[in-house]
């Protein structure tokens, strides 16, 4: 029996019935729907709507319904258009007409908003746990390669020397920000809409604050109309996912390059690569490529829900049925990506010799300019002089590091014999000793701060 069937003189058209139903994807809200129903039953009992016996029957019946979903024996009927309908139907089959009392004072409008918020809260927790694991693996890699010199890149061209530890930490901090975004999305979702009914609130003396406490919400939404229509929490979840997905994509792209034959800075473990069906020599970084590829879908889901919501008036419209599928899919995508990246980072092998070989003397061009600045030359003039030195060395096919003293002396009188120290990679790294720089103590301090954050986050779980 449909919950709204009494109003209609005919059954819905079969094609519309299928189009209208959402059970195929919102069935995964069954645990949240049952949990919220238990809290609602308790509120009805406290308000004197349910007797103690009726309350106990409903609680016992809901436990039985939970088992039906968990053991895989649930079989939907055509009239089960959503998870709320299915749960109520199963409950009534078990305990009789008293099951119909559970819906007193509530609507599927506030039911779905409550269930969805509960699910998003838990989804944020699941994703944040996986982010912590990936963050931990990155810190291990950063510590392993804390002092391993390698080229740093801008515009995908060699720029200045950095270390692997410094680079790995640059991939760590976006995870910290990502975790904060999911924590914010969780807090945004943790406001209770239950008790708002269809849009005008419930006519029964329900203690919404008590329901919020029982279900783990942080607050009660103060306006019943807003409570029904608000999906900002879903947008914030999707934004957190999309921004994390973009950062993971960038990280994956770098590892794809660094593991390629042109770089060979790292070697990916065979367990996270694939071969070619025709080229026997290939070792493809499919795990990283899929990470990069799936970021587009996450961005698309955010834009899609924004577009769905932008034209809706207040309260509930059936368009809001489209809010859950993108959130579910993005959650599932991240829950697939994050453990794979964690394992990939834990098993990849660093290639220090290849990193060192890739550092050309030209990467110390800024150091050469700084050398002149130390001799009193204005930086803009020093920049021009060093640019000429690079151009001249290329024309003469001689490395700056191997150029004779007269090469530099002819360019500017302030070049002296000690200019050769400029091309020492370790000295170049140590010159950048300010906070956030490449000097050993700066990177060590950054690593310590990252470890402290990780330990604090792990204790809070």
Foldseek 3Di string as FASTA:
>chain_A
DAPPPVVDPDDDDVVVLVVLADAVPQVVLLVLLLLLLLLLLVQCCVLVNDPPVLNVLQNVLSVVVVVCVVVVVDDDDSNCRHSNSSSLVSSCVRRNPSSVSSCAFAAVLLSVLRSLLLVLLVLLVLLLVLLLLLLVLLLVQLVVWVPQWFFDDDPNDGAAIFISNLVSVVLNVVSVVLNVLSVVLNLVSLAHLTQLHQQNGGPTPGDVVSSSVSSVRPYYDPHSFCSRQDPVSLLSLLVSLLSVLQSLLVVLVVVQVCVDPVQNQKPWDQVQWDADPPDRVDTHNVLSVVSNVCSVLSVVLSVVVCVLSPPDDITDDSSCSVSPPSSVVSSVVSSVNSVSSSVRSNPMGGDSVSRVVNDALVSLLVLQLVLVVVVVDPSVVSNVLSVVLVVVCVVVVHGPLPDDQVSSCVSDVSRDPVSNVSSDRLVSQCVQPPQSGRRSVNSVVSSVVSVVVSVVVVVVD
